[in-house]
Amino acid sequence: MAKIDESLDFIPVHIAVLTVSDTRGLDQDRSGDTLVARLTEAGHILAARGIIRDERADIAAQLRTWCADPGIDVILTTGGTGLTGRDVTVEAHRDVYEKEIEAFGTVFTIVSMQKIGTSAVQSRATGGVAMGTYLFALPGSPGACRDAWDEILRWQLDYRHRPCNFVEIFPRLEEGQQRGTAKM
């Protein structure tokens, strides 16, 4: 069974939060605020925060810029994961991914089903890895951000989580390459 191994030290992770929206500014960004509050309460470090319009090339460019930053270990985006024509965050993420974490979307759907039933099929949450950085695209609602953090990311971004977690494999994401000291 999954658990926290209290004999291990907590390792803070440097996390960037990017909100994708054509209509919101940072002062109305409840989903971004939700993620920032949760990650800092958990002991992680907010490395960067921004808001960007639903433009695939612009989102991908921002993701690449942050992936190249050795002070950022994880990027969380919120918004643009739905089915409308302007929802292009998932496509932008996949433009950047070197490897997709397929099970992230599956687990997110399972978590969402418990909260919103079959409406969970309308989310395209996704996760992946690029340049030694984890990237997760979350829906734009505060509830979905809470669910993703509380039920998945909180645990997988805690080095003490057993039987395994994302943090312990940071050194292997770019085997043979070192881009900085922020990663374990």
N, C-alpha and C. Protein backbone atom coordinates (compact mmCIF):
# COMPACT_ATOMS: atom_id res chain seq x y z
N MET A 1 0.84 -1.19 0.00
CA MET A 1 0.00 0.00 0.00
C MET A 1 0.88 1.25 0.00
N ALA A 2 0.45 2.30 -0.68
CA ALA A 2 1.20 3.54 -0.75
C ALA A 2 1.23 4.22 0.61
N LYS A 3 2.39 4.83 0.93
CA LYS A 3 2.51 5.54 2.20
C LYS A 3 3.69 6.49 2.15
N ILE A 4 3.79 7.34 3.15
CA ILE A 4 4.92 8.25 3.31
C ILE A 4 5.91 7.61 4.27
N ASP A 5 7.15 7.52 3.85
CA ASP A 5 8.21 6.97 4.69
C ASP A 5 8.80 8.13 5.50
N GLU A 6 8.37 8.25 6.74
CA GLU A 6 8.78 9.36 7.61
C GLU A 6 10.28 9.33 7.96
N SER A 7 10.96 8.22 7.68
CA SER A 7 12.39 8.16 7.97
C SER A 7 13.22 8.92 6.93
N LEU A 8 12.60 9.29 5.82
CA LEU A 8 13.29 10.03 4.76
C LEU A 8 13.02 11.53 4.90
N ASP A 9 13.97 12.33 4.44
CA ASP A 9 13.80 13.79 4.43
C ASP A 9 12.94 14.21 3.24
N PHE A 10 12.09 15.21 3.47
CA PHE A 10 11.31 15.81 2.40
C PHE A 10 12.25 16.61 1.51
N ILE A 11 12.08 16.52 0.21
CA ILE A 11 12.89 17.28 -0.74
C ILE A 11 11.96 18.23 -1.50
N PRO A 12 12.10 19.54 -1.29
CA PRO A 12 11.24 20.47 -2.02
C PRO A 12 11.55 20.47 -3.52
N VAL A 13 10.51 20.55 -4.30
CA VAL A 13 10.61 20.57 -5.75
C VAL A 13 10.28 21.99 -6.22
N HIS A 14 10.95 22.44 -7.26
CA HIS A 14 10.73 23.77 -7.83
C HIS A 14 9.68 23.66 -8.93
N ILE A 15 8.54 24.28 -8.72
CA ILE A 15 7.38 24.10 -9.59
C ILE A 15 6.94 25.43 -10.20
N ALA A 16 6.71 25.41 -11.52
CA ALA A 16 6.18 26.57 -12.23
C ALA A 16 4.70 26.30 -12.54
N VAL A 17 3.89 27.35 -12.46
CA VAL A 17 2.46 27.25 -12.74
C VAL A 17 2.12 28.20 -13.88
N LEU A 18 1.53 27.64 -14.93
CA LEU A 18 1.14 28.42 -16.10
C LEU A 18 -0.36 28.24 -16.33
N THR A 19 -1.09 29.34 -16.32
CA THR A 19 -2.52 29.31 -16.60
C THR A 19 -2.74 29.67 -18.06
N VAL A 20 -3.54 28.85 -18.74
CA VAL A 20 -3.85 29.08 -20.14
C VAL A 20 -5.29 29.60 -20.21
N SER A 21 -5.42 30.84 -20.67
CA SER A 21 -6.75 31.45 -20.73
C SER A 21 -6.75 32.64 -21.67
N ASP A 22 -7.82 32.77 -22.44
CA ASP A 22 -8.01 33.94 -23.29
C ASP A 22 -8.69 35.07 -22.54
N THR A 23 -9.26 34.78 -21.37
CA THR A 23 -10.10 35.76 -20.70
C THR A 23 -9.64 36.16 -19.30
N ARG A 24 -8.83 35.36 -18.64
CA ARG A 24 -8.45 35.65 -17.26
C ARG A 24 -7.09 36.32 -17.16
N GLY A 25 -6.96 37.17 -16.13
CA GLY A 25 -5.67 37.71 -15.74
C GLY A 25 -5.26 37.05 -14.43
N LEU A 26 -4.07 37.34 -13.96
CA LEU A 26 -3.61 36.72 -12.71
C LEU A 26 -4.51 37.04 -11.53
N ASP A 27 -5.15 38.22 -11.55
CA ASP A 27 -6.02 38.60 -10.44
C ASP A 27 -7.32 37.79 -10.41
N GLN A 28 -7.66 37.08 -11.49
CA GLN A 28 -8.87 36.23 -11.52
C GLN A 28 -8.52 34.76 -11.66
N ASP A 29 -7.28 34.41 -11.45
CA ASP A 29 -6.79 33.06 -11.71
C ASP A 29 -6.96 32.15 -10.50
N ARG A 30 -8.18 31.72 -10.26
CA ARG A 30 -8.46 30.87 -9.10
C ARG A 30 -7.80 29.50 -9.21
N SER A 31 -7.70 28.96 -10.40
CA SER A 31 -7.07 27.65 -10.57
C SER A 31 -5.57 27.73 -10.29
N GLY A 32 -4.93 28.76 -10.84
CA GLY A 32 -3.51 28.96 -10.55
C GLY A 32 -3.28 29.20 -9.08
N ASP A 33 -4.16 30.01 -8.46
CA ASP A 33 -4.06 30.26 -7.01
C ASP A 33 -4.18 28.96 -6.22
N THR A 34 -5.09 28.09 -6.65
CA THR A 34 -5.28 26.80 -5.98
C THR A 34 -4.00 25.98 -6.02
N LEU A 35 -3.39 25.91 -7.19
CA LEU A 35 -2.15 25.13 -7.33
C LEU A 35 -1.01 25.73 -6.51
N VAL A 36 -0.87 27.04 -6.57
CA VAL A 36 0.19 27.71 -5.81
C VAL A 36 0.01 27.47 -4.32
N ALA A 37 -1.20 27.61 -3.82
CA ALA A 37 -1.46 27.40 -2.40
C ALA A 37 -1.12 25.97 -2.00
N ARG A 38 -1.53 25.01 -2.80
CA ARG A 38 -1.31 23.61 -2.44
C ARG A 38 0.17 23.24 -2.51
N LEU A 39 0.86 23.66 -3.54
CA LEU A 39 2.26 23.27 -3.66
C LEU A 39 3.12 23.92 -2.57
N THR A 40 2.82 25.17 -2.22
CA THR A 40 3.60 25.82 -1.17
C THR A 40 3.25 25.26 0.21
N GLU A 41 1.99 24.95 0.44
CA GLU A 41 1.60 24.32 1.71
C GLU A 41 2.30 22.98 1.88
N ALA A 42 2.55 22.27 0.78
CA ALA A 42 3.21 20.98 0.84
C ALA A 42 4.71 21.12 1.09
N GLY A 43 5.24 22.34 0.96
CA GLY A 43 6.67 22.57 1.20
C GLY A 43 7.50 22.74 -0.05
N HIS A 44 6.84 22.74 -1.22
CA HIS A 44 7.55 22.94 -2.48
C HIS A 44 7.76 24.43 -2.74
N ILE A 45 8.53 24.75 -3.76
CA ILE A 45 8.91 26.13 -4.07
C ILE A 45 8.25 26.55 -5.39
N LEU A 46 7.56 27.68 -5.37
CA LEU A 46 7.01 28.24 -6.60
C LEU A 46 8.17 28.88 -7.35
N ALA A 47 8.54 28.29 -8.47
CA ALA A 47 9.70 28.76 -9.23
C ALA A 47 9.34 29.83 -10.25
N ALA A 48 8.10 29.79 -10.75
CA ALA A 48 7.65 30.78 -11.74
C ALA A 48 6.14 30.65 -11.85
N ARG A 49 5.53 31.74 -12.30
CA ARG A 49 4.09 31.73 -12.53
C ARG A 49 3.78 32.65 -13.69
N GLY A 50 2.83 32.25 -14.51
CA GLY A 50 2.44 33.09 -15.63
C GLY A 50 1.06 32.75 -16.13
N ILE A 51 0.62 33.57 -17.05
CA ILE A 51 -0.65 33.34 -17.73
C ILE A 51 -0.42 33.59 -19.21
N ILE A 52 -1.05 32.78 -20.03
CA ILE A 52 -0.81 32.86 -21.48
C ILE A 52 -2.11 32.55 -22.21
N ARG A 53 -2.25 33.15 -23.38
CA ARG A 53 -3.46 32.91 -24.19
C ARG A 53 -3.42 31.50 -24.79
N ASP A 54 -4.59 31.03 -25.20
CA ASP A 54 -4.73 29.71 -25.82
C ASP A 54 -4.18 29.72 -27.24
N GLU A 55 -2.89 29.79 -27.36
CA GLU A 55 -2.20 29.75 -28.65
C GLU A 55 -1.16 28.65 -28.57
N ARG A 56 -1.34 27.61 -29.35
CA ARG A 56 -0.50 26.41 -29.26
C ARG A 56 1.00 26.72 -29.32
N ALA A 57 1.43 27.49 -30.29
CA ALA A 57 2.86 27.78 -30.44
C ALA A 57 3.40 28.56 -29.24
N ASP A 58 2.61 29.50 -28.73
CA ASP A 58 3.04 30.30 -27.58
C ASP A 58 3.14 29.45 -26.32
N ILE A 59 2.17 28.56 -26.13
CA ILE A 59 2.21 27.67 -24.96
C ILE A 59 3.43 26.77 -25.05
N ALA A 60 3.64 26.15 -26.21
CA ALA A 60 4.80 25.26 -26.38
C ALA A 60 6.11 26.01 -26.16
N ALA A 61 6.19 27.23 -26.65
CA ALA A 61 7.41 28.02 -26.47
C ALA A 61 7.67 28.30 -24.98
N GLN A 62 6.62 28.64 -24.23
CA GLN A 62 6.79 28.88 -22.80
C GLN A 62 7.20 27.60 -22.07
N LEU A 63 6.58 26.48 -22.44
CA LEU A 63 6.96 25.21 -21.83
C LEU A 63 8.43 24.89 -22.10
N ARG A 64 8.88 25.09 -23.33
CA ARG A 64 10.29 24.83 -23.66
C ARG A 64 11.23 25.75 -22.89
N THR A 65 10.84 27.02 -22.76
CA THR A 65 11.68 27.98 -22.00
C THR A 65 11.81 27.52 -20.56
N TRP A 66 10.70 27.14 -19.94
CA TRP A 66 10.76 26.71 -18.55
C TRP A 66 11.46 25.36 -18.41
N CYS A 67 11.30 24.46 -19.39
CA CYS A 67 12.01 23.17 -19.33
C CYS A 67 13.52 23.38 -19.37
N ALA A 68 13.96 24.39 -20.10
CA ALA A 68 15.39 24.67 -20.21
C ALA A 68 15.96 25.36 -18.98
N ASP A 69 15.12 25.82 -18.09
CA ASP A 69 15.54 26.52 -16.87
C ASP A 69 15.90 25.50 -15.79
N PRO A 70 17.17 25.46 -15.36
CA PRO A 70 17.56 24.48 -14.34
C PRO A 70 16.92 24.73 -12.97
N GLY A 71 16.28 25.87 -12.80
CA GLY A 71 15.60 26.17 -11.54
C GLY A 71 14.15 25.71 -11.52
N ILE A 72 13.71 25.01 -12.56
CA ILE A 72 12.34 24.51 -12.63
C ILE A 72 12.39 23.00 -12.84
N ASP A 73 11.75 22.28 -11.92
CA ASP A 73 11.70 20.82 -11.97
C ASP A 73 10.40 20.30 -12.57
N VAL A 74 9.31 21.03 -12.33
CA VAL A 74 7.97 20.59 -12.72
C VAL A 74 7.20 21.80 -13.24
N ILE A 75 6.41 21.58 -14.29
CA ILE A 75 5.53 22.62 -14.82
C ILE A 75 4.10 22.11 -14.74
N LEU A 76 3.24 22.89 -14.09
CA LEU A 76 1.82 22.58 -14.03
C LEU A 76 1.10 23.63 -14.86
N THR A 77 0.34 23.20 -15.87
CA THR A 77 -0.50 24.13 -16.59
C THR A 77 -1.94 23.85 -16.21
N THR A 78 -2.76 24.89 -16.23
CA THR A 78 -4.18 24.75 -15.96
C THR A 78 -4.95 25.49 -17.04
N GLY A 79 -5.93 24.80 -17.61
CA GLY A 79 -6.74 25.39 -18.65
C GLY A 79 -6.39 24.85 -20.02
N GLY A 80 -7.38 24.89 -20.92
CA GLY A 80 -7.16 24.50 -22.30
C GLY A 80 -7.10 23.01 -22.56
N THR A 81 -7.65 22.20 -21.64
CA THR A 81 -7.61 20.75 -21.83
C THR A 81 -8.94 20.18 -22.31
N GLY A 82 -9.89 21.03 -22.60
CA GLY A 82 -11.22 20.56 -23.00
C GLY A 82 -11.30 20.21 -24.48
N LEU A 83 -12.50 20.27 -25.01
CA LEU A 83 -12.77 19.79 -26.36
C LEU A 83 -13.05 20.89 -27.37
N THR A 84 -13.10 22.15 -26.93
CA THR A 84 -13.45 23.22 -27.87
C THR A 84 -12.27 23.54 -28.79
N GLY A 85 -12.56 24.30 -29.81
CA GLY A 85 -11.53 24.65 -30.79
C GLY A 85 -10.36 25.41 -30.21
N ARG A 86 -10.59 26.20 -29.16
CA ARG A 86 -9.52 26.99 -28.55
C ARG A 86 -8.72 26.19 -27.52
N ASP A 87 -9.15 24.99 -27.18
CA ASP A 87 -8.45 24.18 -26.19
C ASP A 87 -7.27 23.46 -26.85
N VAL A 88 -6.08 24.06 -26.74
CA VAL A 88 -4.91 23.53 -27.44
C VAL A 88 -3.74 23.22 -26.49
N THR A 89 -3.99 23.26 -25.19
CA THR A 89 -2.91 23.01 -24.24
C THR A 89 -2.34 21.60 -24.38
N VAL A 90 -3.19 20.63 -24.54
CA VAL A 90 -2.71 19.24 -24.67
C VAL A 90 -1.83 19.10 -25.90
N GLU A 91 -2.25 19.68 -27.00
CA GLU A 91 -1.44 19.61 -28.22
C GLU A 91 -0.09 20.30 -28.01
N ALA A 92 -0.09 21.45 -27.34
CA ALA A 92 1.16 22.15 -27.06
C ALA A 92 2.07 21.31 -26.17
N HIS A 93 1.50 20.68 -25.15
CA HIS A 93 2.31 19.79 -24.31
C HIS A 93 2.93 18.68 -25.14
N ARG A 94 2.13 18.06 -25.97
CA ARG A 94 2.64 16.93 -26.77
C ARG A 94 3.67 17.37 -27.79
N ASP A 95 3.64 18.65 -28.21
CA ASP A 95 4.69 19.18 -29.07
C ASP A 95 6.03 19.21 -28.35
N VAL A 96 5.98 19.29 -27.03
CA VAL A 96 7.20 19.44 -26.21
C VAL A 96 7.67 18.10 -25.62
N TYR A 97 6.75 17.22 -25.27
CA TYR A 97 7.12 15.97 -24.60
C TYR A 97 8.17 15.17 -25.35
N GLU A 98 9.10 14.62 -24.59
CA GLU A 98 9.98 13.58 -25.09
C GLU A 98 9.35 12.22 -24.79
N LYS A 99 8.68 12.14 -23.65
CA LYS A 99 7.94 10.93 -23.26
C LYS A 99 6.64 11.37 -22.61
N GLU A 100 5.56 10.71 -22.96
CA GLU A 100 4.28 10.99 -22.32
C GLU A 100 4.08 10.02 -21.16
N ILE A 101 3.49 10.52 -20.09
CA ILE A 101 3.14 9.68 -18.94
C ILE A 101 1.66 9.33 -19.12
N GLU A 102 1.38 8.31 -19.92
CA GLU A 102 0.01 7.98 -20.28
C GLU A 102 -0.88 7.72 -19.07
N ALA A 103 -0.33 7.07 -18.05
CA ALA A 103 -1.13 6.71 -16.88
C ALA A 103 -1.62 7.93 -16.10
N PHE A 104 -0.96 9.09 -16.25
CA PHE A 104 -1.42 10.27 -15.53
C PHE A 104 -2.86 10.62 -15.95
N GLY A 105 -3.12 10.67 -17.24
CA GLY A 105 -4.47 10.98 -17.71
C GLY A 105 -5.48 9.94 -17.26
N THR A 106 -5.06 8.69 -17.26
CA THR A 106 -5.95 7.61 -16.83
C THR A 106 -6.30 7.75 -15.35
N VAL A 107 -5.28 7.96 -14.53
CA VAL A 107 -5.52 8.10 -13.09
C VAL A 107 -6.34 9.36 -12.81
N PHE A 108 -6.06 10.44 -13.53
CA PHE A 108 -6.85 11.66 -13.34
C PHE A 108 -8.32 11.39 -13.68
N THR A 109 -8.58 10.64 -14.73
CA THR A 109 -9.96 10.31 -15.10
C THR A 109 -10.63 9.49 -14.00
N ILE A 110 -9.92 8.55 -13.43
CA ILE A 110 -10.48 7.74 -12.33
C ILE A 110 -10.84 8.63 -11.15
N VAL A 111 -9.92 9.53 -10.78
CA VAL A 111 -10.18 10.47 -9.68
C VAL A 111 -11.39 11.34 -10.02
N SER A 112 -11.44 11.86 -11.24
CA SER A 112 -12.54 12.74 -11.65
C SER A 112 -13.87 12.00 -11.66
N MET A 113 -13.87 10.76 -12.07
CA MET A 113 -15.12 9.98 -12.10
C MET A 113 -15.75 9.93 -10.72
N GLN A 114 -14.92 9.85 -9.68
CA GLN A 114 -15.44 9.79 -8.31
C GLN A 114 -16.08 11.12 -7.91
N LYS A 115 -15.68 12.21 -8.54
CA LYS A 115 -16.17 13.55 -8.19
C LYS A 115 -17.29 14.03 -9.10
N ILE A 116 -17.12 13.82 -10.42
CA ILE A 116 -18.06 14.41 -11.38
C ILE A 116 -18.70 13.39 -12.31
N GLY A 117 -18.53 12.13 -12.03
CA GLY A 117 -19.15 11.08 -12.83
C GLY A 117 -18.65 11.06 -14.27
N THR A 118 -19.55 10.77 -15.17
CA THR A 118 -19.14 10.61 -16.57
C THR A 118 -18.70 11.91 -17.23
N SER A 119 -18.91 13.04 -16.60
CA SER A 119 -18.40 14.30 -17.15
C SER A 119 -16.87 14.28 -17.23
N ALA A 120 -16.24 13.35 -16.53
CA ALA A 120 -14.79 13.22 -16.57
C ALA A 120 -14.27 12.94 -17.99
N VAL A 121 -15.11 12.40 -18.85
CA VAL A 121 -14.64 12.08 -20.21
C VAL A 121 -14.30 13.35 -21.01
N GLN A 122 -14.74 14.51 -20.55
CA GLN A 122 -14.48 15.74 -21.29
C GLN A 122 -13.11 16.35 -20.99
N SER A 123 -12.38 15.77 -20.06
CA SER A 123 -11.04 16.28 -19.74
C SER A 123 -9.99 15.50 -20.50
N ARG A 124 -8.96 16.21 -20.93
CA ARG A 124 -7.83 15.57 -21.59
C ARG A 124 -6.55 15.83 -20.80
N ALA A 125 -6.63 15.75 -19.49
CA ALA A 125 -5.43 15.95 -18.66
C ALA A 125 -4.33 15.02 -19.15
N THR A 126 -3.10 15.53 -19.11
CA THR A 126 -1.98 14.75 -19.61
C THR A 126 -0.71 15.07 -18.82
N GLY A 127 0.25 14.21 -18.91
CA GLY A 127 1.54 14.43 -18.28
C GLY A 127 2.65 13.91 -19.17
N GLY A 128 3.84 14.46 -18.98
CA GLY A 128 4.97 14.01 -19.77
C GLY A 128 6.28 14.53 -19.20
N VAL A 129 7.34 14.22 -19.92
CA VAL A 129 8.69 14.62 -19.53
C VAL A 129 9.38 15.25 -20.73
N ALA A 130 10.10 16.34 -20.51
CA ALA A 130 10.93 16.96 -21.54
C ALA A 130 12.11 17.64 -20.87
N MET A 131 13.29 17.43 -21.40
CA MET A 131 14.51 18.06 -20.90
C MET A 131 14.68 17.88 -19.39
N GLY A 132 14.32 16.73 -18.88
CA GLY A 132 14.47 16.46 -17.45
C GLY A 132 13.44 17.13 -16.57
N THR A 133 12.38 17.65 -17.16
CA THR A 133 11.33 18.36 -16.44
C THR A 133 10.01 17.62 -16.61
N TYR A 134 9.27 17.51 -15.53
CA TYR A 134 7.92 16.95 -15.61
C TYR A 134 6.94 18.05 -16.00
N LEU A 135 5.98 17.72 -16.86
CA LEU A 135 4.94 18.66 -17.28
C LEU A 135 3.59 17.98 -17.11
N PHE A 136 2.64 18.72 -16.54
CA PHE A 136 1.29 18.21 -16.35
C PHE A 136 0.29 19.27 -16.79
N ALA A 137 -0.63 18.87 -17.67
CA ALA A 137 -1.69 19.75 -18.14
C ALA A 137 -2.97 19.37 -17.40
N LEU A 138 -3.49 20.32 -16.62
CA LEU A 138 -4.68 20.10 -15.80
C LEU A 138 -5.83 20.95 -16.33
N PRO A 139 -7.06 20.51 -16.11
CA PRO A 139 -8.20 21.34 -16.51
C PRO A 139 -8.18 22.69 -15.80
N GLY A 140 -8.98 23.61 -16.29
CA GLY A 140 -8.98 24.98 -15.79
C GLY A 140 -9.87 25.26 -14.60
N SER A 141 -10.50 24.27 -14.03
CA SER A 141 -11.34 24.53 -12.87
C SER A 141 -10.56 24.32 -11.57
N PRO A 142 -10.83 25.15 -10.56
CA PRO A 142 -10.16 24.96 -9.27
C PRO A 142 -10.39 23.56 -8.70
N GLY A 143 -11.59 23.02 -8.87
CA GLY A 143 -11.88 21.68 -8.36
C GLY A 143 -11.01 20.63 -9.01
N ALA A 144 -10.83 20.71 -10.31
CA ALA A 144 -9.98 19.75 -11.02
C ALA A 144 -8.52 19.90 -10.59
N CYS A 145 -8.07 21.13 -10.37
CA CYS A 145 -6.70 21.35 -9.90
C CYS A 145 -6.51 20.77 -8.50
N ARG A 146 -7.51 20.97 -7.64
CA ARG A 146 -7.46 20.38 -6.29
C ARG A 146 -7.37 18.86 -6.38
N ASP A 147 -8.23 18.27 -7.21
CA ASP A 147 -8.24 16.82 -7.34
C ASP A 147 -6.90 16.29 -7.85
N ALA A 148 -6.36 16.92 -8.89
CA ALA A 148 -5.08 16.47 -9.44
C ALA A 148 -3.97 16.57 -8.41
N TRP A 149 -3.94 17.69 -7.67
CA TRP A 149 -2.90 17.86 -6.65
C TRP A 149 -3.11 16.90 -5.49
N ASP A 150 -4.30 16.92 -4.91
CA ASP A 150 -4.55 16.16 -3.68
C ASP A 150 -4.47 14.66 -3.88
N GLU A 151 -4.88 14.18 -5.03
CA GLU A 151 -4.99 12.74 -5.24
C GLU A 151 -3.81 12.13 -6.00
N ILE A 152 -3.05 12.95 -6.73
CA ILE A 152 -1.96 12.39 -7.55
C ILE A 152 -0.64 13.11 -7.30
N LEU A 153 -0.58 14.40 -7.65
CA LEU A 153 0.70 15.11 -7.66
C LEU A 153 1.30 15.28 -6.27
N ARG A 154 0.48 15.53 -5.29
CA ARG A 154 0.97 15.66 -3.91
C ARG A 154 1.82 14.45 -3.53
N TRP A 155 1.38 13.29 -3.92
CA TRP A 155 2.06 12.05 -3.56
C TRP A 155 3.26 11.80 -4.46
N GLN A 156 3.08 11.94 -5.75
CA GLN A 156 4.16 11.63 -6.68
C GLN A 156 5.29 12.66 -6.65
N LEU A 157 5.03 13.85 -6.13
CA LEU A 157 6.09 14.86 -6.01
C LEU A 157 6.67 14.90 -4.60
N ASP A 158 6.39 13.89 -3.80
CA ASP A 158 6.96 13.77 -2.45
C ASP A 158 7.96 12.61 -2.46
N TYR A 159 9.21 12.95 -2.26
CA TYR A 159 10.30 11.96 -2.29
C TYR A 159 10.08 10.81 -1.32
N ARG A 160 9.33 11.07 -0.27
CA ARG A 160 9.11 10.05 0.77
C ARG A 160 8.01 9.07 0.42
N HIS A 161 7.27 9.32 -0.64
CA HIS A 161 6.16 8.46 -1.02
C HIS A 161 6.67 7.10 -1.51
N ARG A 162 6.10 6.05 -0.96
CA ARG A 162 6.47 4.69 -1.32
C ARG A 162 5.26 3.94 -1.82
N PRO A 163 5.41 3.09 -2.81
CA PRO A 163 6.65 2.43 -3.19
C PRO A 163 7.52 3.21 -4.17
N CYS A 164 7.01 4.25 -4.83
CA CYS A 164 7.85 5.02 -5.75
C CYS A 164 7.24 6.40 -5.96
N ASN A 165 8.03 7.28 -6.58
CA ASN A 165 7.58 8.65 -6.82
C ASN A 165 8.38 9.25 -7.97
N PHE A 166 7.92 10.38 -8.48
CA PHE A 166 8.60 11.05 -9.58
C PHE A 166 9.94 11.66 -9.15
N VAL A 167 10.04 12.11 -7.92
CA VAL A 167 11.23 12.83 -7.48
C VAL A 167 12.47 11.94 -7.48
N GLU A 168 12.32 10.71 -7.05
CA GLU A 168 13.48 9.83 -6.95
C GLU A 168 14.11 9.50 -8.29
N ILE A 169 13.37 9.70 -9.39
CA ILE A 169 13.97 9.39 -10.69
C ILE A 169 14.40 10.64 -11.47
N PHE A 170 14.36 11.81 -10.83
CA PHE A 170 14.88 13.02 -11.49
C PHE A 170 16.26 12.79 -12.10
N PRO A 171 17.22 12.21 -11.37
CA PRO A 171 18.56 12.06 -11.93
C PRO A 171 18.60 11.22 -13.20
N ARG A 172 17.60 10.40 -13.42
CA ARG A 172 17.62 9.50 -14.57
C ARG A 172 16.82 10.03 -15.76
N LEU A 173 16.12 11.15 -15.59
CA LEU A 173 15.31 11.67 -16.69
C LEU A 173 16.17 12.11 -17.87
N GLU A 174 17.36 12.58 -17.57
CA GLU A 174 18.31 13.00 -18.62
C GLU A 174 19.60 12.23 -18.45
N GLU A 175 19.52 10.94 -18.46
CA GLU A 175 20.71 10.12 -18.24
C GLU A 175 21.84 10.56 -19.17
N GLY A 176 23.01 10.80 -18.56
CA GLY A 176 24.16 11.23 -19.31
C GLY A 176 24.27 12.73 -19.49
N GLN A 177 23.26 13.49 -19.06
CA GLN A 177 23.28 14.94 -19.20
C GLN A 177 23.00 15.59 -17.86
N GLN A 178 23.66 16.68 -17.57
CA GLN A 178 23.38 17.46 -16.37
C GLN A 178 23.13 18.89 -16.82
N ARG A 179 21.98 19.43 -16.43
CA ARG A 179 21.68 20.81 -16.84
C ARG A 179 21.68 21.77 -15.69
N GLY A 180 21.94 21.31 -14.50
CA GLY A 180 21.96 22.22 -13.36
C GLY A 180 21.84 21.47 -12.06
N THR A 181 21.81 22.21 -10.97
CA THR A 181 21.80 21.56 -9.66
C THR A 181 20.42 21.54 -9.03
N ALA A 182 19.43 22.15 -9.64
CA ALA A 182 18.10 22.16 -9.02
C ALA A 182 17.50 20.76 -8.96
N LYS A 183 17.80 19.96 -9.94
CA LYS A 183 17.31 18.59 -9.93
C LYS A 183 18.22 17.75 -9.05
N MET A 184 17.61 16.78 -8.35
CA MET A 184 18.38 15.96 -7.40
C MET A 184 19.71 15.61 -7.97
